[in-house]
Structure formats: C-alpha cells, structure tokens
Protein backbone atom coordinates (compact mmCIF):
# COMPACT_ATOMS: atom_id res chain seq x y z
CA MET A 1 -0.21 0.00 -0.17
CA THR A 2 1.25 3.28 -0.81
CA LEU A 3 0.40 6.61 1.31
CA ASP A 4 1.98 9.72 1.16
CA ALA A 5 4.80 9.48 3.75
CA PRO A 6 7.54 6.77 3.45
CA ARG A 7 7.09 5.78 7.08
CA THR A 8 3.51 5.19 6.61
CA ALA A 9 3.63 1.79 5.09
CA THR A 10 5.24 0.33 8.28
CA SER A 11 3.19 2.58 10.89
CA ASP A 12 1.85 0.64 13.74
CA VAL A 13 -0.72 3.31 14.66
CA TYR A 14 -3.88 1.56 15.90
CA PHE A 15 -7.11 3.29 16.27
CA ASP A 16 -10.33 1.52 17.69
CA PRO A 17 -13.69 3.34 18.35
CA TYR A 18 -14.60 0.70 21.09
CA ASP A 19 -11.22 0.96 23.12
CA VAL A 20 -11.85 2.51 26.24
CA GLY A 21 -8.22 3.79 26.84
CA ILE A 22 -8.23 5.37 23.37
CA ASN A 23 -11.54 7.17 23.96
CA ALA A 24 -10.34 8.69 27.32
CA ASP A 25 -7.95 10.89 25.02
CA PRO A 26 -8.20 9.94 21.36
CA TYR A 27 -6.09 12.82 19.97
CA PRO A 28 -2.65 11.75 20.17
CA THR A 29 -3.75 8.84 18.08
CA PHE A 30 -5.59 11.02 15.73
CA ARG A 31 -2.55 12.90 15.40
CA ARG A 32 -0.59 9.99 14.42
CA LEU A 33 -3.36 8.91 12.36
CA ARG A 34 -3.25 12.30 10.24
CA GLU A 35 0.59 12.15 9.65
CA GLU A 36 1.28 8.41 9.70
CA ALA A 37 -1.89 6.63 7.91
CA PRO A 38 -4.24 9.61 6.74
CA LEU A 39 -6.14 6.29 5.03
CA TYR A 40 -6.25 3.93 7.90
CA TYR A 41 -7.58 0.34 7.99
CA ASN A 42 -8.56 -1.62 11.07
CA ALA A 43 -8.68 -5.32 10.33
CA LYS A 44 -10.29 -6.32 13.46
CA HIS A 45 -13.69 -4.33 12.91
CA ASP A 46 -13.27 -4.07 9.24
CA PHE A 47 -13.53 -0.46 8.19
CA TYR A 48 -11.49 2.21 6.86
CA ALA A 49 -10.71 5.71 8.52
CA LEU A 50 -10.06 9.13 7.19
CA SER A 51 -8.35 11.31 9.59
CA ARG A 52 -7.41 14.60 7.70
CA PHE A 53 -9.80 17.48 7.67
CA ALA A 54 -9.93 17.97 3.62
CA ASP A 55 -10.43 14.27 3.51
CA VAL A 56 -13.19 13.98 5.94
CA ASN A 57 -14.95 17.32 4.48
CA ARG A 58 -14.72 15.69 0.94
CA ALA A 59 -16.18 12.57 1.88
CA LEU A 60 -19.12 13.94 3.96
CA VAL A 61 -20.05 16.23 1.09
CA ASP A 62 -19.88 13.21 -1.45
CA HIS A 63 -23.23 11.15 -0.56
CA GLU A 64 -23.00 9.51 -3.84
CA THR A 65 -20.02 7.80 -3.11
CA PHE A 66 -20.51 7.69 0.64
CA SER A 67 -23.86 6.71 1.57
CA SER A 68 -26.03 7.14 4.90
CA ALA A 69 -28.80 5.01 3.56
CA ARG A 70 -27.67 2.08 5.52
CA GLY A 71 -26.96 4.08 8.90
CA ALA A 72 -24.24 6.29 10.12
CA ILE A 73 -22.51 3.70 12.57
CA VAL A 74 -20.17 1.07 11.82
CA GLU A 75 -22.37 -1.69 13.65
CA LEU A 76 -25.78 -0.54 11.80
CA ILE A 77 -24.20 -0.42 8.43
CA LYS A 78 -22.67 -3.92 9.02
CA ALA A 79 -25.99 -5.26 10.48
CA ASN A 80 -27.63 -4.34 7.13
CA ILE A 81 -31.03 -3.75 8.94
CA GLU A 82 -33.89 -2.15 7.29
CA ILE A 83 -34.02 1.66 8.28
CA PRO A 84 -37.54 2.92 8.90
CA PRO A 85 -38.42 5.64 6.34
CA GLY A 86 -38.15 9.15 7.92
CA THR A 87 -34.94 8.52 9.68
CA VAL A 88 -33.49 11.33 7.96
CA ILE A 89 -29.85 11.10 9.40
CA PHE A 90 -29.86 7.79 7.65
CA GLU A 91 -30.67 8.71 4.02
CA ASP A 92 -29.49 9.95 0.98
CA PRO A 93 -31.00 12.39 -1.58
CA PRO A 94 -33.63 12.74 -3.03
CA ILE A 95 -35.84 11.09 -0.24
CA HIS A 96 -33.59 12.59 2.22
CA ASP A 97 -34.16 16.15 1.08
CA ILE A 98 -38.01 15.47 0.86
CA HIS A 99 -37.85 14.35 4.58
CA ARG A 100 -35.31 17.12 5.71
CA LYS A 101 -37.60 20.00 4.16
CA LEU A 102 -40.60 18.99 6.59
CA LEU A 103 -38.34 18.94 9.58
CA ALA A 104 -36.65 22.45 8.40
CA ARG A 105 -39.93 24.33 9.09
CA MET A 106 -39.46 23.40 12.65
CA PHE A 107 -36.02 25.14 12.90
CA THR A 108 -36.40 28.40 11.04
CA PRO A 109 -34.27 31.34 12.42
CA ARG A 110 -37.57 32.87 13.71
CA LYS A 111 -38.74 29.67 15.81
CA VAL A 112 -35.09 29.11 17.32
CA ASN A 113 -34.58 32.55 18.31
CA ALA A 114 -37.80 32.92 19.65
CA LEU A 115 -37.08 30.22 22.14
CA GLU A 116 -34.02 32.58 23.80
CA PRO A 117 -36.23 33.67 26.74
CA VAL A 118 -37.61 30.14 27.29
CA ILE A 119 -33.95 28.64 27.20
CA ARG A 120 -32.94 31.39 29.74
CA GLU A 121 -35.81 30.73 32.23
CA PHE A 122 -35.00 26.89 32.11
CA CYS A 123 -31.42 27.62 32.67
CA ALA A 124 -32.31 29.96 35.90
CA GLN A 125 -34.60 27.29 37.15
CA CYS A 126 -31.85 24.81 37.05
CA LEU A 127 -29.21 27.22 38.44
CA ASP A 128 -30.84 29.36 40.94
CA PRO A 129 -31.23 26.62 43.48
CA LEU A 130 -27.43 25.94 43.44
CA ILE A 131 -26.37 29.56 44.37
CA GLY A 132 -24.32 29.34 47.62
CA ALA A 133 -23.83 25.89 46.99
CA GLU A 134 -20.07 24.45 47.26
CA ARG A 135 -20.68 22.14 44.15
CA PHE A 136 -22.15 22.18 40.95
CA ASP A 137 -22.33 19.29 38.28
CA PHE A 138 -22.35 20.77 34.54
CA VAL A 139 -24.08 17.75 33.19
CA ALA A 140 -26.54 16.42 36.09
CA ASP A 141 -27.37 19.89 37.02
CA LEU A 142 -27.90 21.54 33.85
CA GLY A 143 -26.70 19.76 30.73
CA ALA A 144 -29.09 16.93 31.26
CA GLN A 145 -31.83 19.18 32.09
CA MET A 146 -32.31 22.43 30.14
CA PRO A 147 -31.75 20.86 26.23
CA MET A 148 -34.23 17.93 27.39
CA ARG A 149 -36.69 20.50 28.42
CA VAL A 150 -36.25 22.83 25.44
CA ILE A 151 -36.73 19.98 22.80
CA SER A 152 -39.62 18.87 24.74
CA ALA A 153 -41.42 21.81 24.71
CA LEU A 154 -40.87 22.18 20.92
CA LEU A 155 -42.02 18.82 20.40
CA GLY A 156 -44.89 18.84 22.66
CA ILE A 157 -44.04 16.23 25.17
CA PRO A 158 -45.77 16.82 28.67
CA GLU A 159 -43.14 17.72 31.58
CA ASP A 160 -43.81 14.52 33.48
CA ASP A 161 -42.42 12.26 30.63
CA GLN A 162 -39.48 14.39 29.52
CA GLU A 163 -36.83 12.49 31.59
CA MET A 164 -38.14 9.16 30.43
CA ILE A 165 -38.11 10.36 26.77
CA ARG A 166 -34.38 11.54 27.32
CA ASP A 167 -33.04 8.46 28.80
CA HIS A 168 -34.79 6.33 26.19
CA ALA A 169 -33.04 8.56 23.53
CA ASN A 170 -29.94 8.13 25.18
CA ALA A 171 -30.18 4.54 25.85
CA GLN A 172 -30.10 4.12 22.05
CA LEU A 173 -26.86 5.39 21.71
CA ARG A 174 -25.32 3.54 24.73
CA THR A 175 -22.52 0.84 24.31
CA GLU A 176 -20.98 -1.14 26.88
CA ALA A 177 -17.34 -0.18 27.78
CA GLY A 178 -15.12 -1.55 24.78
CA GLN A 179 -18.19 -3.36 22.76
CA PRO A 180 -19.81 -2.27 19.67
CA MET A 181 -23.43 -0.87 19.78
CA LYS A 182 -25.96 -3.85 19.87
CA THR A 183 -28.23 -3.69 16.51
CA GLU A 184 -30.52 -6.53 17.48
CA GLY A 185 -34.17 -4.94 17.04
CA ALA A 186 -32.67 -1.55 16.49
CA GLY A 187 -34.94 -1.18 13.61
CA MET A 188 -38.07 -1.90 15.48
CA ALA A 189 -37.55 0.35 18.45
CA PHE A 190 -37.76 3.74 16.43
CA GLY A 191 -40.41 5.95 17.98
CA GLU A 192 -42.97 3.62 19.66
CA LEU A 193 -42.75 5.48 22.65
CA PHE A 194 -44.30 8.41 21.06
CA GLN A 195 -47.56 6.59 19.81
CA THR A 196 -49.68 7.73 22.77
CA TYR A 197 -48.60 11.62 22.38
CA ILE A 198 -49.62 11.46 18.68
CA ASP A 199 -53.01 10.31 19.62
CA TRP A 200 -53.46 13.00 22.08
CA ARG A 201 -52.33 15.83 19.84
CA ALA A 202 -54.57 14.51 16.93
CA GLU A 203 -57.35 15.31 19.49
CA HIS A 204 -55.64 18.61 21.27
CA PRO A 205 -53.67 20.43 18.51
CA SER A 206 -50.89 23.00 19.94
CA ASP A 207 -48.35 24.95 18.67
CA ASP A 208 -45.75 22.50 18.57
CA ILE A 209 -43.50 20.11 16.18
CA MET A 210 -45.94 16.96 16.84
CA THR A 211 -49.10 18.99 15.76
CA GLU A 212 -47.38 20.56 12.55
CA LEU A 213 -46.01 17.07 11.45
CA LEU A 214 -49.53 15.68 11.98
CA ASN A 215 -50.97 18.25 9.56
CA ALA A 216 -47.97 18.82 7.09
CA GLU A 217 -48.77 18.11 3.46
CA PHE A 218 -45.70 17.03 1.34
CA VAL A 219 -44.88 15.68 -2.30
CA ASP A 220 -43.12 12.55 -1.67
CA GLU A 221 -40.41 10.69 -3.74
CA THR A 222 -43.47 9.37 -6.19
CA GLY A 223 -44.98 12.63 -6.92
CA THR A 224 -47.72 12.10 -4.48
CA THR A 225 -49.07 14.59 -2.24
CA ARG A 226 -49.73 13.21 1.43
CA HIS A 227 -49.60 13.38 4.81
CA LEU A 228 -46.38 11.56 6.92
CA THR A 229 -47.63 7.87 7.71
CA ARG A 230 -47.72 6.92 11.33
CA GLN A 231 -44.54 5.25 11.33
CA GLU A 232 -42.57 8.21 9.40
CA LEU A 233 -43.93 10.50 12.30
CA LEU A 234 -42.77 8.27 14.79
CA THR A 235 -39.50 7.94 13.42
CA TYR A 236 -39.23 11.76 13.02
CA LEU A 237 -40.09 12.34 16.60
CA ASN A 238 -37.54 9.87 17.66
CA VAL A 239 -35.04 11.38 15.68
CA VAL A 240 -35.58 14.72 16.99
CA ALA A 241 -35.88 13.89 20.45
CA GLY A 242 -32.62 12.13 20.49
CA ALA A 243 -30.41 14.49 18.52
CA GLY A 244 -32.11 17.42 20.36
CA ASN A 245 -30.69 16.47 23.61
CA GLU A 246 -27.35 14.94 23.29
CA THR A 247 -25.11 17.18 21.40
CA THR A 248 -25.95 20.15 23.73
CA THR A 249 -25.63 18.11 26.98
CA ARG A 250 -22.18 17.21 25.85
CA LEU A 251 -21.38 20.77 24.92
CA ILE A 252 -22.04 21.87 28.06
CA GLY A 253 -20.04 19.13 30.01
CA TRP A 254 -17.17 19.91 27.81
CA ALA A 255 -17.46 23.76 28.65
CA GLY A 256 -17.25 22.78 32.39
CA LYS A 257 -13.93 20.78 31.85
CA VAL A 258 -12.08 22.86 29.17
CA LEU A 259 -12.90 26.09 30.74
CA ALA A 260 -11.56 24.85 33.89
CA ASP A 261 -8.48 23.90 32.07
CA HIS A 262 -8.13 27.30 30.45
CA PRO A 263 -8.88 29.81 33.57
CA ASP A 264 -7.42 32.57 31.93
CA GLN A 265 -9.60 32.32 28.69
CA ARG A 266 -12.70 31.66 31.18
CA ARG A 267 -12.05 35.18 32.95
CA GLU A 268 -11.96 36.96 29.59
CA LEU A 269 -15.32 35.55 28.83
CA VAL A 270 -16.77 36.53 32.21
CA GLU A 271 -15.52 39.78 31.42
CA ASN A 272 -16.63 40.16 27.90
CA PRO A 273 -19.73 37.87 27.16
CA SER A 274 -19.84 39.02 23.70
CA LEU A 275 -16.84 36.81 23.02
CA ILE A 276 -18.94 33.61 24.10
CA PRO A 277 -20.34 32.69 20.70
CA GLN A 278 -16.84 32.48 19.29
CA ALA A 279 -15.98 30.09 22.51
CA ILE A 280 -18.89 28.05 21.55
CA GLU A 281 -17.44 27.48 18.11
CA GLU A 282 -13.89 26.61 19.44
CA LEU A 283 -15.71 24.27 21.91
CA LEU A 284 -17.36 22.74 19.45
CA ARG A 285 -14.06 22.38 17.25
CA PHE A 286 -11.89 21.35 20.32
CA GLU A 287 -14.15 18.82 21.77
CA PRO A 288 -16.75 17.83 19.35
CA PRO A 289 -19.72 15.71 20.74
CA ALA A 290 -19.75 13.37 17.70
CA PRO A 291 -16.32 12.47 17.06
CA HIS A 292 -16.85 10.15 14.05
CA VAL A 293 -19.63 9.08 11.61
CA ALA A 294 -19.61 6.09 9.30
CA ARG A 295 -20.67 5.81 5.54
CA TYR A 296 -21.28 2.79 2.97
CA VAL A 297 -18.96 3.03 0.38
CA THR A 298 -21.25 2.53 -3.00
CA ARG A 299 -18.32 2.43 -5.57
CA ASP A 300 -14.40 1.94 -5.48
CA VAL A 301 -12.73 5.13 -4.28
CA GLU A 302 -8.94 5.78 -3.98
CA PHE A 303 -6.89 7.64 -1.30
CA TYR A 304 -3.27 7.86 -1.10
CA GLY A 305 -2.58 5.38 -3.63
CA GLN A 306 -4.84 2.49 -2.01
CA THR A 307 -8.32 1.51 -3.54
CA VAL A 308 -11.23 1.29 -0.94
CA SER A 309 -13.74 -1.19 -2.56
CA GLU A 310 -17.24 -0.74 -3.04
CA GLY A 311 -18.98 -2.37 0.04
CA SER A 312 -16.61 -1.05 2.62
CA VAL A 313 -17.53 0.89 5.75
CA MET A 314 -15.57 4.30 5.94
CA MET A 315 -15.32 6.16 9.16
CA MET A 316 -14.94 9.83 9.19
CA LEU A 317 -12.97 10.94 12.16
CA ILE A 318 -14.32 14.21 12.66
CA GLY A 319 -12.55 14.46 16.32
CA SER A 320 -9.10 14.27 14.07
CA ALA A 321 -10.26 16.56 11.10
CA VAL A 322 -11.09 19.48 13.65
CA ARG A 323 -7.80 19.11 15.31
CA ASP A 324 -5.94 19.05 11.76
CA HIS A 325 -3.30 22.03 11.64
CA ARG A 326 -3.68 22.29 8.02
CA GLN A 327 -7.33 23.65 8.66
CA PHE A 328 -6.49 25.24 12.22
CA PRO A 329 -2.89 26.26 12.03
CA PRO A 330 -0.52 26.33 13.63
CA ASP A 331 -1.70 23.84 16.01
CA GLY A 332 -5.29 22.40 16.37
CA ASP A 333 -4.46 20.84 19.61
CA VAL A 334 -4.39 24.32 21.33
CA PHE A 335 -7.89 25.42 22.73
CA ASP A 336 -7.95 29.39 21.79
CA ILE A 337 -11.09 31.66 21.98
CA HIS A 338 -9.39 34.04 19.77
CA ARG A 339 -8.95 31.85 17.03
CA GLU A 340 -9.80 32.71 13.53
CA VAL A 341 -13.29 31.24 13.16
CA ARG A 342 -12.95 28.60 10.27
CA GLN A 343 -15.36 26.00 9.15
CA HIS A 344 -15.23 22.82 11.72
CA LEU A 345 -17.38 19.64 11.09
CA ALA A 346 -18.91 19.47 14.89
CA PHE A 347 -22.38 19.66 12.89
CA SER A 348 -21.24 17.80 9.87
CA VAL A 349 -21.31 19.58 6.41
CA GLY A 350 -23.25 19.07 3.11
CA THR A 351 -26.37 16.98 3.10
CA HIS A 352 -26.59 15.87 6.49
CA TYR A 353 -25.60 19.32 8.25
CA CYS A 354 -27.23 19.61 11.45
CA LEU A 355 -30.75 20.99 11.32
CA GLY A 356 -30.52 21.85 15.11
CA SER A 357 -27.12 23.74 14.72
CA ALA A 358 -28.71 26.98 15.32
CA LEU A 359 -30.58 25.61 18.48
CA ALA A 360 -27.65 24.16 19.90
CA ARG A 361 -25.51 27.23 19.58
CA LEU A 362 -28.38 29.38 21.12
CA GLU A 363 -28.45 26.88 24.09
CA GLY A 364 -24.78 26.99 24.45
CA ARG A 365 -24.45 30.65 24.34
CA VAL A 366 -27.39 31.30 27.02
CA ALA A 367 -26.05 28.06 29.07
CA LEU A 368 -22.57 30.06 29.35
CA GLU A 369 -24.01 33.18 29.85
CA GLU A 370 -25.94 32.13 32.95
CA ILE A 371 -23.72 30.01 34.38
CA PHE A 372 -21.22 33.05 34.38
CA LYS A 373 -23.48 35.22 35.89
CA ARG A 374 -23.65 32.84 38.94
CA PHE A 375 -20.48 30.75 39.12
CA PRO A 376 -17.50 32.94 37.43
CA GLU A 377 -14.97 30.67 38.70
CA TRP A 378 -14.55 26.54 39.33
CA ASP A 379 -12.51 23.85 39.48
CA VAL A 380 -13.43 20.23 38.04
CA ASP A 381 -13.53 17.22 40.32
CA MET A 382 -11.82 14.87 37.73
CA ALA A 383 -12.01 12.02 40.38
CA ASN A 384 -15.76 11.82 40.49
CA ALA A 385 -16.23 12.73 36.64
CA SER A 386 -17.36 9.68 34.16
CA LEU A 387 -16.93 9.67 30.46
CA SER A 388 -20.17 8.58 28.70
CA PRO A 389 -20.03 4.77 27.51
CA THR A 390 -20.66 5.17 23.95
CA SER A 391 -18.93 4.47 20.66
CA THR A 392 -21.23 7.22 18.92
CA VAL A 393 -21.09 10.19 21.18
CA ARG A 394 -18.04 11.42 23.07
CA GLY A 395 -18.77 13.49 26.22
CA TRP A 396 -19.19 13.71 30.05
CA GLU A 397 -22.07 11.65 31.95
CA SER A 398 -21.27 13.68 34.87
CA MET A 399 -18.86 16.77 35.30
CA PRO A 400 -18.84 17.79 38.91
CA ALA A 401 -17.33 21.25 39.45
CA VAL A 402 -15.97 22.81 43.02
CA LEU A 403 -17.25 26.36 42.87
CA LYS A 404 -14.99 29.05 44.18
C-alpha cells in the first residue's frame, strides 16, 4: 500500500472506536493517524478511516460515494437492517431532501430565536437553587436538564414524561465499555414511545412540532401529495428527540472541563460575554460531541494510492479533522477562543449538516451566560467525573465542579 509518507507503510498506529483507553484521550492517536496513516484500515472491525480535514470534508459532502442509507454507525451498516422511512440522518438524496424539508420548517431562524427567553428561564430554574452551594455538576444539574426541556417543549412532550424520553433516546446510543453497539431490534424500537402523544395531539392540536408534522402535507418521492404515515411520524419524533438532547448536553459538559483547564480564557469570557459565541465554536471544534460518523462505500474510491472497494465501511474521524493543523494553524490541539473562526465539522457538512445547529449554539451561548452570572470560577472534580460509555458520542455523563 502506498500512502503519502515513506514511514506510513510500516506505521503501527492503532485506532479502535470501542477502546476505552483510546476514547479517554483520542487526540494523540488522531494526530498519528493524520501524519502516518491518513487512510487507515482496522482489520479487527473491518473499516477504513479518514482523519485529515480535507479528506473528511470531501467525503462527507460526497453522498453518492459515501452513503448514509444503511446508517451512520459502523455496527448499523454491518448489520444491514432495514432503516425505517423518515430516519433523515440515515437517508440519501432525493428522499432525504424531501424528509429534511419537512423538519426544516420546525427550525426556522424565527422559531429558534423565539426560544431564547425560554432557554434562559430553564437555565435559571436549574441554576438558581445552586447559588451558595459548594458544588455544581455541569451535566446532571444543567446539561442533562435544559436541552431536554427545550426540545420537549418544541415537540410537545408533557413535562412529567420528559426525563423518560431523554433516557430512552440516550439509551439507544449507549454501548457497553469496549463493546460495539447492539443492533438487534434497532430498526423496530424507533419511535414507538411517541404513539400515545400522537393520538393525544391529533385530538388536542397545539403550537408544537408534533401538531405541525401531523398536519404537514408534502410531495413524496413518487410525486404523491400526502401526509406522513404513522411510522414516519414516529421515526421523525424519535430522531428529533435524540438529536435535540445529546449534542448540547455534551457541549455543556465539555464547557465545564475545558474552561476549567483554561482559567485565563474563562476570565475573559466572564468579563466580555460578547466573546461567548466564538468560544462556543472553539469548544465545538476542540471537543466535538460526535467524534466520528460512518458511511457505506457505494463504489471503488482511491485515497493515497490505495483503493477502498465498494461495500466497505468508511469512518470519518471528525474529532481528528477538527484538530488538523492544515485547517487550524498553527496547532489544532490548542484551545483558543480568539482563533480565527474557520469551518469545523462538529455539525457535519453538506447534505447532513445538523438542522438543529442554530438551536444548539443558542442553548450553548445562553447556558454559558447564565453560568458565568452565577459561578464565574470553578475547578472540576475529575476524580468523580465519568465519561459516557458510547462509541457514537463522546462526552461526560457527569462533570462535577467545585465552586470558588
């Protein structure tokens, strides 16, 4: 095999998304992959991986060669299970574009911006009881609460059921430490939880996503004008509930950790909150909640003199791409809120660019503003912090802080 550096052919770098040790700090491995094996093959789990920004960016945009239709997780692609229609993140154009347009109606700038006072109020409800306390957990006390309440309010899920919905969505992403995701029945569990809410909303319409999707008319891929089927609706709600919780929860957890590690930059943000949006972009780049996605390779494709054959699984290492010094000079492994803002891939790119990205950014900004107002300084208690046991999302289950 010929790659772009002489030493690559004999590189002993090893990457395994299920390896707990690597997952604890994957960045040294990512750095080696970028330099020694920019096209990497893992024989144990039979997948290829791209690690440089330009390669990952190009592959994410090229949906014809790198298909999402069998899933975006190695285990799902290999299981070759039937993906329910409406699972927008696991679709390719043209059907993806039809389904995405329906969902895009829910995330217009007007609708997202109108949520700011709601998000601020949810943050206050989470944080105010902790004023005067010695400790605060960025995930348990805020990250796992506020995004769940915001997306539930958007969807129209009753307050009493919100935690159960969040836990169900999170459980679908969980893997046992060091183990691949179990895919048995994964195609059947989609959205059944929402059945009763749909029946209720059909009788009691409201100003929420569920009501809007129930009544939405669209032209499907056959040219037929129709409403969503019950199964499509269930799947949509499941996708939105899962995506709406996880990213922001992880972003808030990482904010607690990274800003504690960089107290001078944290102090700047406290003194000048107008820097917070830029800091959110740098946090997303520095610790992206979804460090990799996978695609099914639909035709032979060449990287660095080696052919990746049709039928292979390609993993795009977003967590590596966002640290690539070629895109983020001089050193992508440095956290810097003053870094020139350049495209990062934390919300993906192209067809599957995250529909909820504006909402996640808004939630992140408001969360930091409200935290700083109450708790401008903290140290993290790493002895009691725990990393989430999943191969698909990287972030903290708990990030306890000692308040100063």
